[in-house]
Amino acid sequence: MKRAARQRLLLLLAVAALLLLAGWQLRRDALNAPGALTALDPASITRVALTLPGAPTLHYEKRAGHWWRTDGTPTRAIDSRLDDLTAIAAAPVLGWRPASDFDPARIGLAPPQAVLVLDGHALEFGETAVTGPQHYVRVGRRIALVSPRYMPSSPATRTTELH
């Protein structure tokens, strides 16, 4: 085999090895990615309950493609604001930790600053983390860190979109 052909073969093998390593790393990163707050599809959510400090719980239901407030006499809600709340279900998580790693009172979860229930899945929001602009969110027996843009607020007063 000529010298030039041998060098090309070695170069081709090196490139193939690098591609295999890159593929392995991408697969490993995808398996270890923290994912979203819930496995719920925001578009399929039909019931929302929001509890904020000092206010009664607000209940909403999606009927015929529109959101309705169901406390008392049903009243039409602003769809885009409720869609912002349901989008929180798919909020990207920056990291997960077991709830046992934290004292709930120290991270604002005793009591929570907000509780958002999406089709029966409760998300409890706490304080901003000391490590950066991130909020603690209790989901079952785990605590997630998410961007503050996903902190729920009343649909009646929300003026910014999550998109």
N, C-alpha and C. Protein backbone atom coordinates (compact mmCIF):
# COMPACT_ATOMS: atom_id res chain seq x y z
N MET A 1 0.85 -1.17 0.00
CA MET A 1 0.00 0.00 0.00
C MET A 1 0.90 1.23 0.00
N LYS A 2 0.55 2.16 -0.83
CA LYS A 2 1.34 3.37 -0.93
C LYS A 2 1.16 4.22 0.32
N ARG A 3 2.13 5.06 0.54
CA ARG A 3 2.14 5.91 1.73
C ARG A 3 0.93 6.84 1.77
N ALA A 4 0.57 7.47 0.67
CA ALA A 4 -0.56 8.40 0.61
C ALA A 4 -1.88 7.67 0.90
N ALA A 5 -2.02 6.46 0.36
CA ALA A 5 -3.24 5.69 0.59
C ALA A 5 -3.34 5.28 2.06
N ARG A 6 -2.23 4.92 2.66
CA ARG A 6 -2.21 4.55 4.08
C ARG A 6 -2.61 5.74 4.96
N GLN A 7 -2.10 6.92 4.63
CA GLN A 7 -2.44 8.12 5.40
C GLN A 7 -3.93 8.45 5.27
N ARG A 8 -4.48 8.30 4.08
CA ARG A 8 -5.92 8.54 3.88
C ARG A 8 -6.75 7.54 4.68
N LEU A 9 -6.33 6.29 4.69
CA LEU A 9 -7.04 5.26 5.44
C LEU A 9 -6.99 5.56 6.94
N LEU A 10 -5.84 5.95 7.46
CA LEU A 10 -5.72 6.31 8.87
C LEU A 10 -6.58 7.53 9.20
N LEU A 11 -6.58 8.51 8.33
CA LEU A 11 -7.39 9.71 8.53
C LEU A 11 -8.88 9.35 8.52
N LEU A 12 -9.28 8.49 7.61
CA LEU A 12 -10.66 8.05 7.54
C LEU A 12 -11.06 7.29 8.80
N LEU A 13 -10.20 6.43 9.30
CA LEU A 13 -10.46 5.70 10.54
C LEU A 13 -10.56 6.66 11.74
N ALA A 14 -9.70 7.66 11.78
CA ALA A 14 -9.75 8.65 12.87
C ALA A 14 -11.06 9.42 12.83
N VAL A 15 -11.49 9.84 11.64
CA VAL A 15 -12.76 10.56 11.51
C VAL A 15 -13.92 9.67 11.93
N ALA A 16 -13.91 8.41 11.52
CA ALA A 16 -14.97 7.48 11.90
C ALA A 16 -15.01 7.29 13.42
N ALA A 17 -13.85 7.19 14.04
CA ALA A 17 -13.79 7.04 15.50
C ALA A 17 -14.35 8.29 16.19
N LEU A 18 -14.01 9.46 15.69
CA LEU A 18 -14.54 10.71 16.27
C LEU A 18 -16.05 10.80 16.11
N LEU A 19 -16.56 10.39 14.97
CA LEU A 19 -18.01 10.40 14.75
C LEU A 19 -18.72 9.43 15.70
N LEU A 20 -18.13 8.27 15.91
CA LEU A 20 -18.71 7.32 16.86
C LEU A 20 -18.71 7.87 18.28
N LEU A 21 -17.61 8.49 18.68
CA LEU A 21 -17.54 9.09 20.02
C LEU A 21 -18.56 10.23 20.17
N ALA A 22 -18.70 11.06 19.15
CA ALA A 22 -19.66 12.16 19.21
C ALA A 22 -21.09 11.62 19.30
N GLY A 23 -21.40 10.59 18.55
CA GLY A 23 -22.73 9.98 18.62
C GLY A 23 -23.00 9.38 19.98
N TRP A 24 -22.02 8.70 20.55
CA TRP A 24 -22.16 8.13 21.89
C TRP A 24 -22.40 9.23 22.92
N GLN A 25 -21.64 10.33 22.82
CA GLN A 25 -21.80 11.44 23.77
C GLN A 25 -23.18 12.08 23.65
N LEU A 26 -23.66 12.29 22.43
CA LEU A 26 -24.99 12.88 22.23
C LEU A 26 -26.08 11.97 22.81
N ARG A 27 -25.94 10.67 22.60
CA ARG A 27 -26.92 9.72 23.14
C ARG A 27 -26.90 9.74 24.67
N ARG A 28 -25.72 9.76 25.23
CA ARG A 28 -25.56 9.80 26.69
C ARG A 28 -26.15 11.08 27.26
N ASP A 29 -25.89 12.22 26.62
CA ASP A 29 -26.45 13.50 27.08
C ASP A 29 -27.97 13.49 27.00
N ALA A 30 -28.52 12.90 25.94
CA ALA A 30 -29.98 12.85 25.79
C ALA A 30 -30.60 11.98 26.88
N LEU A 31 -29.95 10.89 27.24
CA LEU A 31 -30.48 10.02 28.30
C LEU A 31 -30.40 10.68 29.66
N ASN A 32 -29.42 11.54 29.88
CA ASN A 32 -29.24 12.19 31.17
C ASN A 32 -29.88 13.57 31.25
N ALA A 33 -30.53 14.02 30.18
CA ALA A 33 -31.16 15.34 30.17
C ALA A 33 -32.28 15.39 31.20
N PRO A 34 -32.40 16.51 31.91
CA PRO A 34 -33.43 16.60 32.96
C PRO A 34 -34.85 16.59 32.42
N GLY A 35 -35.08 17.00 31.19
CA GLY A 35 -36.41 16.96 30.60
C GLY A 35 -37.29 18.11 31.03
N ALA A 36 -38.59 17.86 31.07
CA ALA A 36 -39.58 18.88 31.39
C ALA A 36 -40.19 18.62 32.77
N LEU A 37 -40.91 19.61 33.28
CA LEU A 37 -41.55 19.47 34.60
C LEU A 37 -42.51 18.28 34.64
N THR A 38 -43.28 18.10 33.60
CA THR A 38 -44.23 16.98 33.54
C THR A 38 -44.16 16.34 32.17
N ALA A 39 -44.81 15.21 32.05
CA ALA A 39 -44.91 14.54 30.75
C ALA A 39 -46.18 14.98 30.01
N LEU A 40 -46.92 15.91 30.60
CA LEU A 40 -48.17 16.37 30.00
C LEU A 40 -47.92 17.20 28.74
N ASP A 41 -48.79 17.03 27.77
CA ASP A 41 -48.78 17.87 26.58
C ASP A 41 -49.62 19.10 26.91
N PRO A 42 -49.05 20.30 26.89
CA PRO A 42 -49.82 21.50 27.25
C PRO A 42 -51.12 21.65 26.46
N ALA A 43 -51.13 21.24 25.21
CA ALA A 43 -52.33 21.40 24.38
C ALA A 43 -53.45 20.45 24.81
N SER A 44 -53.11 19.37 25.52
CA SER A 44 -54.14 18.41 25.92
C SER A 44 -54.68 18.66 27.32
N ILE A 45 -54.15 19.62 28.04
CA ILE A 45 -54.61 19.91 29.40
C ILE A 45 -56.00 20.56 29.33
N THR A 46 -56.92 20.06 30.18
CA THR A 46 -58.29 20.58 30.16
C THR A 46 -58.73 21.18 31.49
N ARG A 47 -57.96 20.97 32.55
CA ARG A 47 -58.33 21.52 33.86
C ARG A 47 -57.11 22.16 34.50
N VAL A 48 -57.33 23.36 35.03
CA VAL A 48 -56.26 24.11 35.69
C VAL A 48 -56.81 24.67 36.99
N ALA A 49 -56.02 24.54 38.06
CA ALA A 49 -56.33 25.19 39.34
C ALA A 49 -55.07 25.93 39.76
N LEU A 50 -55.23 27.18 40.17
CA LEU A 50 -54.10 28.00 40.57
C LEU A 50 -54.38 28.61 41.94
N THR A 51 -53.45 28.36 42.86
CA THR A 51 -53.55 28.94 44.19
C THR A 51 -52.36 29.85 44.40
N LEU A 52 -52.66 31.11 44.70
CA LEU A 52 -51.62 32.10 45.01
C LEU A 52 -51.84 32.60 46.43
N PRO A 53 -50.79 33.05 47.11
CA PRO A 53 -50.93 33.49 48.50
C PRO A 53 -51.98 34.60 48.65
N GLY A 54 -52.80 34.46 49.66
CA GLY A 54 -53.78 35.49 49.98
C GLY A 54 -54.96 35.57 49.02
N ALA A 55 -55.12 34.58 48.18
CA ALA A 55 -56.22 34.61 47.21
C ALA A 55 -56.87 33.23 47.16
N PRO A 56 -58.17 33.19 46.85
CA PRO A 56 -58.81 31.88 46.72
C PRO A 56 -58.29 31.15 45.48
N THR A 57 -58.41 29.85 45.50
CA THR A 57 -57.98 29.05 44.35
C THR A 57 -58.87 29.36 43.15
N LEU A 58 -58.23 29.56 42.00
CA LEU A 58 -58.94 29.81 40.74
C LEU A 58 -59.02 28.50 39.97
N HIS A 59 -60.21 28.16 39.48
CA HIS A 59 -60.41 26.92 38.73
C HIS A 59 -60.82 27.26 37.30
N TYR A 60 -60.19 26.54 36.36
CA TYR A 60 -60.48 26.76 34.94
C TYR A 60 -60.68 25.42 34.26
N GLU A 61 -61.49 25.44 33.20
CA GLU A 61 -61.75 24.24 32.43
C GLU A 61 -61.81 24.62 30.96
N LYS A 62 -61.25 23.76 30.13
CA LYS A 62 -61.27 24.01 28.69
C LYS A 62 -62.49 23.32 28.09
N ARG A 63 -63.33 24.11 27.43
CA ARG A 63 -64.54 23.59 26.80
C ARG A 63 -64.60 24.09 25.37
N ALA A 64 -64.74 23.17 24.44
CA ALA A 64 -64.85 23.50 23.02
C ALA A 64 -63.71 24.41 22.57
N GLY A 65 -62.51 24.14 23.06
CA GLY A 65 -61.33 24.89 22.62
C GLY A 65 -61.11 26.22 23.31
N HIS A 66 -61.94 26.58 24.30
CA HIS A 66 -61.78 27.84 25.01
C HIS A 66 -61.76 27.59 26.51
N TRP A 67 -61.08 28.49 27.22
CA TRP A 67 -60.97 28.37 28.67
C TRP A 67 -62.09 29.12 29.37
N TRP A 68 -62.61 28.50 30.41
CA TRP A 68 -63.68 29.06 31.22
C TRP A 68 -63.29 29.00 32.68
N ARG A 69 -63.57 30.08 33.41
CA ARG A 69 -63.39 30.05 34.86
C ARG A 69 -64.63 29.39 35.43
N THR A 70 -64.43 28.38 36.25
CA THR A 70 -65.56 27.58 36.72
C THR A 70 -65.93 27.84 38.17
N ASP A 71 -65.33 28.83 38.81
CA ASP A 71 -65.72 29.20 40.17
C ASP A 71 -67.00 30.02 40.08
N GLY A 72 -68.07 29.51 40.66
CA GLY A 72 -69.35 30.24 40.59
C GLY A 72 -69.95 30.09 39.21
N THR A 73 -70.45 31.19 38.67
CA THR A 73 -71.02 31.19 37.33
C THR A 73 -69.89 31.10 36.31
N PRO A 74 -69.93 30.13 35.39
CA PRO A 74 -68.85 30.00 34.41
C PRO A 74 -68.66 31.30 33.60
N THR A 75 -67.43 31.74 33.54
CA THR A 75 -67.07 32.96 32.83
C THR A 75 -65.94 32.65 31.87
N ARG A 76 -66.00 33.20 30.68
CA ARG A 76 -64.95 32.99 29.69
C ARG A 76 -63.66 33.63 30.17
N ALA A 77 -62.55 32.89 30.06
CA ALA A 77 -61.23 33.39 30.45
C ALA A 77 -60.44 33.75 29.19
N ILE A 78 -59.35 34.46 29.39
CA ILE A 78 -58.50 34.83 28.26
C ILE A 78 -57.64 33.61 27.91
N ASP A 79 -57.90 33.05 26.74
CA ASP A 79 -57.26 31.80 26.33
C ASP A 79 -55.74 31.87 26.37
N SER A 80 -55.17 32.94 25.88
CA SER A 80 -53.70 33.03 25.81
C SER A 80 -53.07 33.01 27.20
N ARG A 81 -53.74 33.59 28.17
CA ARG A 81 -53.18 33.59 29.53
C ARG A 81 -53.25 32.21 30.16
N LEU A 82 -54.33 31.47 29.90
CA LEU A 82 -54.40 30.10 30.40
C LEU A 82 -53.45 29.19 29.64
N ASP A 83 -53.25 29.46 28.37
CA ASP A 83 -52.27 28.69 27.60
C ASP A 83 -50.86 28.90 28.16
N ASP A 84 -50.59 30.11 28.67
CA ASP A 84 -49.30 30.36 29.33
C ASP A 84 -49.15 29.47 30.57
N LEU A 85 -50.23 29.32 31.33
CA LEU A 85 -50.17 28.47 32.51
C LEU A 85 -49.98 27.00 32.13
N THR A 86 -50.68 26.54 31.10
CA THR A 86 -50.52 25.13 30.71
C THR A 86 -49.14 24.88 30.10
N ALA A 87 -48.53 25.90 29.51
CA ALA A 87 -47.18 25.75 28.94
C ALA A 87 -46.15 25.43 30.02
N ILE A 88 -46.46 25.77 31.26
CA ILE A 88 -45.54 25.48 32.36
C ILE A 88 -45.33 23.97 32.50
N ALA A 89 -46.29 23.16 32.08
CA ALA A 89 -46.15 21.70 32.15
C ALA A 89 -44.92 21.22 31.38
N ALA A 90 -44.59 21.92 30.31
CA ALA A 90 -43.46 21.52 29.47
C ALA A 90 -42.22 22.38 29.72
N ALA A 91 -42.20 23.11 30.82
CA ALA A 91 -41.05 23.96 31.14
C ALA A 91 -39.78 23.12 31.24
N PRO A 92 -38.71 23.54 30.59
CA PRO A 92 -37.47 22.77 30.69
C PRO A 92 -36.87 22.86 32.08
N VAL A 93 -36.49 21.73 32.59
CA VAL A 93 -35.90 21.65 33.93
C VAL A 93 -34.39 21.80 33.82
N LEU A 94 -33.84 22.62 34.68
CA LEU A 94 -32.39 22.82 34.71
C LEU A 94 -31.71 21.72 35.52
N GLY A 95 -32.43 21.12 36.46
CA GLY A 95 -31.88 20.05 37.27
C GLY A 95 -32.92 19.50 38.23
N TRP A 96 -32.79 18.23 38.58
CA TRP A 96 -33.69 17.55 39.52
C TRP A 96 -32.89 17.11 40.74
N ARG A 97 -33.55 17.16 41.91
CA ARG A 97 -32.96 16.64 43.15
C ARG A 97 -34.08 16.00 43.96
N PRO A 98 -33.77 15.04 44.81
CA PRO A 98 -34.81 14.48 45.68
C PRO A 98 -35.30 15.55 46.66
N ALA A 99 -36.59 15.54 46.96
CA ALA A 99 -37.16 16.51 47.90
C ALA A 99 -36.52 16.38 49.27
N SER A 100 -36.05 15.19 49.61
CA SER A 100 -35.42 14.97 50.92
C SER A 100 -34.10 15.75 51.07
N ASP A 101 -33.55 16.26 49.98
CA ASP A 101 -32.31 17.05 50.04
C ASP A 101 -32.54 18.47 50.57
N PHE A 102 -33.81 18.88 50.72
CA PHE A 102 -34.13 20.25 51.06
C PHE A 102 -35.02 20.34 52.29
N ASP A 103 -34.91 21.46 52.98
CA ASP A 103 -35.86 21.84 54.02
C ASP A 103 -36.91 22.70 53.31
N PRO A 104 -38.16 22.25 53.19
CA PRO A 104 -39.17 22.99 52.44
C PRO A 104 -39.30 24.46 52.86
N ALA A 105 -39.17 24.75 54.14
CA ALA A 105 -39.31 26.13 54.60
C ALA A 105 -38.19 27.01 54.06
N ARG A 106 -37.01 26.47 53.89
CA ARG A 106 -35.86 27.26 53.44
C ARG A 106 -35.92 27.59 51.96
N ILE A 107 -36.69 26.83 51.19
CA ILE A 107 -36.77 27.10 49.75
C ILE A 107 -38.16 27.60 49.34
N GLY A 108 -38.93 28.06 50.33
CA GLY A 108 -40.21 28.69 50.04
C GLY A 108 -41.33 27.73 49.71
N LEU A 109 -41.24 26.49 50.18
CA LEU A 109 -42.28 25.51 49.90
C LEU A 109 -43.12 25.15 51.12
N ALA A 110 -42.97 25.91 52.21
CA ALA A 110 -43.77 25.64 53.41
C ALA A 110 -44.31 26.95 53.95
N PRO A 111 -45.37 27.49 53.42
CA PRO A 111 -46.18 27.00 52.31
C PRO A 111 -45.59 27.45 50.97
N PRO A 112 -46.03 26.83 49.87
CA PRO A 112 -45.54 27.24 48.55
C PRO A 112 -46.01 28.64 48.18
N GLN A 113 -45.25 29.30 47.33
CA GLN A 113 -45.63 30.64 46.85
C GLN A 113 -46.73 30.56 45.81
N ALA A 114 -46.83 29.42 45.15
CA ALA A 114 -47.90 29.19 44.18
C ALA A 114 -48.06 27.70 44.00
N VAL A 115 -49.30 27.27 43.79
CA VAL A 115 -49.57 25.86 43.48
C VAL A 115 -50.39 25.85 42.19
N LEU A 116 -49.86 25.16 41.21
CA LEU A 116 -50.52 25.03 39.92
C LEU A 116 -50.86 23.55 39.73
N VAL A 117 -52.14 23.25 39.55
CA VAL A 117 -52.58 21.87 39.33
C VAL A 117 -53.08 21.77 37.90
N LEU A 118 -52.40 20.94 37.13
CA LEU A 118 -52.74 20.75 35.72
C LEU A 118 -53.23 19.32 35.53
N ASP A 119 -54.51 19.17 35.26
CA ASP A 119 -55.12 17.84 35.10
C ASP A 119 -54.72 16.90 36.24
N GLY A 120 -54.75 17.41 37.46
CA GLY A 120 -54.46 16.59 38.63
C GLY A 120 -52.99 16.50 39.02
N HIS A 121 -52.09 17.05 38.25
CA HIS A 121 -50.65 17.03 38.55
C HIS A 121 -50.28 18.34 39.24
N ALA A 122 -49.90 18.27 40.51
CA ALA A 122 -49.59 19.47 41.29
C ALA A 122 -48.14 19.89 41.12
N LEU A 123 -47.96 21.18 40.88
CA LEU A 123 -46.64 21.80 40.82
C LEU A 123 -46.62 22.88 41.89
N GLU A 124 -45.71 22.74 42.87
CA GLU A 124 -45.62 23.71 43.96
C GLU A 124 -44.36 24.54 43.77
N PHE A 125 -44.55 25.85 43.68
CA PHE A 125 -43.46 26.77 43.39
C PHE A 125 -42.95 27.43 44.65
N GLY A 126 -41.63 27.48 44.77
CA GLY A 126 -40.99 28.08 45.93
C GLY A 126 -40.19 29.32 45.58
N GLU A 127 -39.18 29.58 46.40
CA GLU A 127 -38.33 30.77 46.27
C GLU A 127 -37.42 30.69 45.06
N THR A 128 -36.77 31.82 44.79
CA THR A 128 -35.70 31.86 43.81
C THR A 128 -34.46 31.25 44.45
N ALA A 129 -33.76 30.42 43.71
CA ALA A 129 -32.57 29.75 44.23
C ALA A 129 -31.45 30.76 44.47
N VAL A 130 -30.63 30.50 45.47
CA VAL A 130 -29.50 31.38 45.77
C VAL A 130 -28.40 31.24 44.73
N THR A 131 -28.43 30.16 43.95
CA THR A 131 -27.38 29.92 42.96
C THR A 131 -27.63 30.63 41.64
N GLY A 132 -28.73 31.30 41.50
CA GLY A 132 -29.01 32.02 40.26
C GLY A 132 -30.50 32.22 40.07
N PRO A 133 -30.86 32.82 38.95
CA PRO A 133 -32.29 33.08 38.70
C PRO A 133 -33.04 31.81 38.31
N GLN A 134 -33.35 31.01 39.34
CA GLN A 134 -34.07 29.76 39.14
C GLN A 134 -35.05 29.59 40.29
N HIS A 135 -36.20 29.01 40.00
CA HIS A 135 -37.19 28.75 41.05
C HIS A 135 -37.22 27.27 41.38
N TYR A 136 -37.43 27.01 42.68
CA TYR A 136 -37.63 25.64 43.13
C TYR A 136 -39.07 25.25 42.84
N VAL A 137 -39.27 24.05 42.32
CA VAL A 137 -40.62 23.54 42.04
C VAL A 137 -40.67 22.10 42.54
N ARG A 138 -41.62 21.85 43.46
CA ARG A 138 -41.80 20.48 43.95
C ARG A 138 -42.79 19.78 43.03
N VAL A 139 -42.36 18.64 42.50
CA VAL A 139 -43.20 17.80 41.65
C VAL A 139 -43.13 16.40 42.25
N GLY A 140 -44.15 16.04 42.99
CA GLY A 140 -44.13 14.75 43.67
C GLY A 140 -43.05 14.74 44.74
N ARG A 141 -42.14 13.80 44.65
CA ARG A 141 -41.06 13.66 45.63
C ARG A 141 -39.74 14.21 45.13
N ARG A 142 -39.81 15.03 44.09
CA ARG A 142 -38.59 15.63 43.54
C ARG A 142 -38.73 17.15 43.50
N ILE A 143 -37.57 17.80 43.51
CA ILE A 143 -37.51 19.25 43.38
C ILE A 143 -36.79 19.57 42.08
N ALA A 144 -37.41 20.42 41.28
CA ALA A 144 -36.81 20.86 40.03
C ALA A 144 -36.38 22.32 40.16
N LEU A 145 -35.41 22.69 39.36
CA LEU A 145 -35.05 24.09 39.21
C LEU A 145 -35.46 24.51 37.81
N VAL A 146 -36.26 25.58 37.72
CA VAL A 146 -36.72 26.08 36.42
C VAL A 146 -36.49 27.59 36.35
N SER A 147 -36.50 28.10 35.17
CA SER A 147 -36.35 29.53 34.94
C SER A 147 -37.49 30.29 35.61
N PRO A 148 -37.21 31.50 36.13
CA PRO A 148 -38.28 32.28 36.78
C PRO A 148 -39.41 32.67 35.83
N ARG A 149 -39.19 32.59 34.54
CA ARG A 149 -40.25 32.94 33.59
C ARG A 149 -41.43 31.99 33.68
N TYR A 150 -41.22 30.83 34.32
CA TYR A 150 -42.30 29.85 34.46
C TYR A 150 -43.02 29.94 35.79
N MET A 151 -42.71 30.93 36.59
CA MET A 151 -43.42 31.13 37.86
C MET A 151 -44.83 31.59 37.54
N PRO A 152 -45.85 30.86 37.99
CA PRO A 152 -47.22 31.23 37.63
C PRO A 152 -47.69 32.51 38.33
N SER A 153 -48.53 33.23 37.62
CA SER A 153 -49.20 34.39 38.20
C SER A 153 -50.66 34.32 37.78
N SER A 154 -51.47 35.14 38.39
CA SER A 154 -52.90 35.10 38.11
C SER A 154 -53.17 35.42 36.65
N PRO A 155 -53.99 34.61 35.99
CA PRO A 155 -54.35 34.90 34.60
C PRO A 155 -55.08 36.23 34.46
N ALA A 156 -55.66 36.71 35.55
CA ALA A 156 -56.39 37.98 35.49
C ALA A 156 -55.43 39.17 35.43
N THR A 157 -54.18 38.99 35.87
CA THR A 157 -53.24 40.12 35.91
C THR A 157 -52.03 39.92 35.02
N ARG A 158 -51.85 38.76 34.46
CA ARG A 158 -50.66 38.47 33.66
C ARG A 158 -50.63 39.33 32.41
N THR A 159 -49.49 39.99 32.18
CA THR A 159 -49.39 40.87 31.02
C THR A 159 -48.29 40.44 30.06
N THR A 160 -47.42 39.51 30.45
CA THR A 160 -46.36 39.06 29.56
C THR A 160 -46.61 37.62 29.16
N GLU A 161 -46.16 37.27 27.99
CA GLU A 161 -46.34 35.92 27.47
C GLU A 161 -45.09 35.10 27.77
N LEU A 162 -45.24 33.80 27.89
CA LEU A 162 -44.11 32.89 28.14
C LEU A 162 -43.38 32.53 26.86
N HIS A 163 -43.96 32.78 25.72
CA HIS A 163 -43.40 32.30 24.46
C HIS A 163 -42.13 32.96 24.14
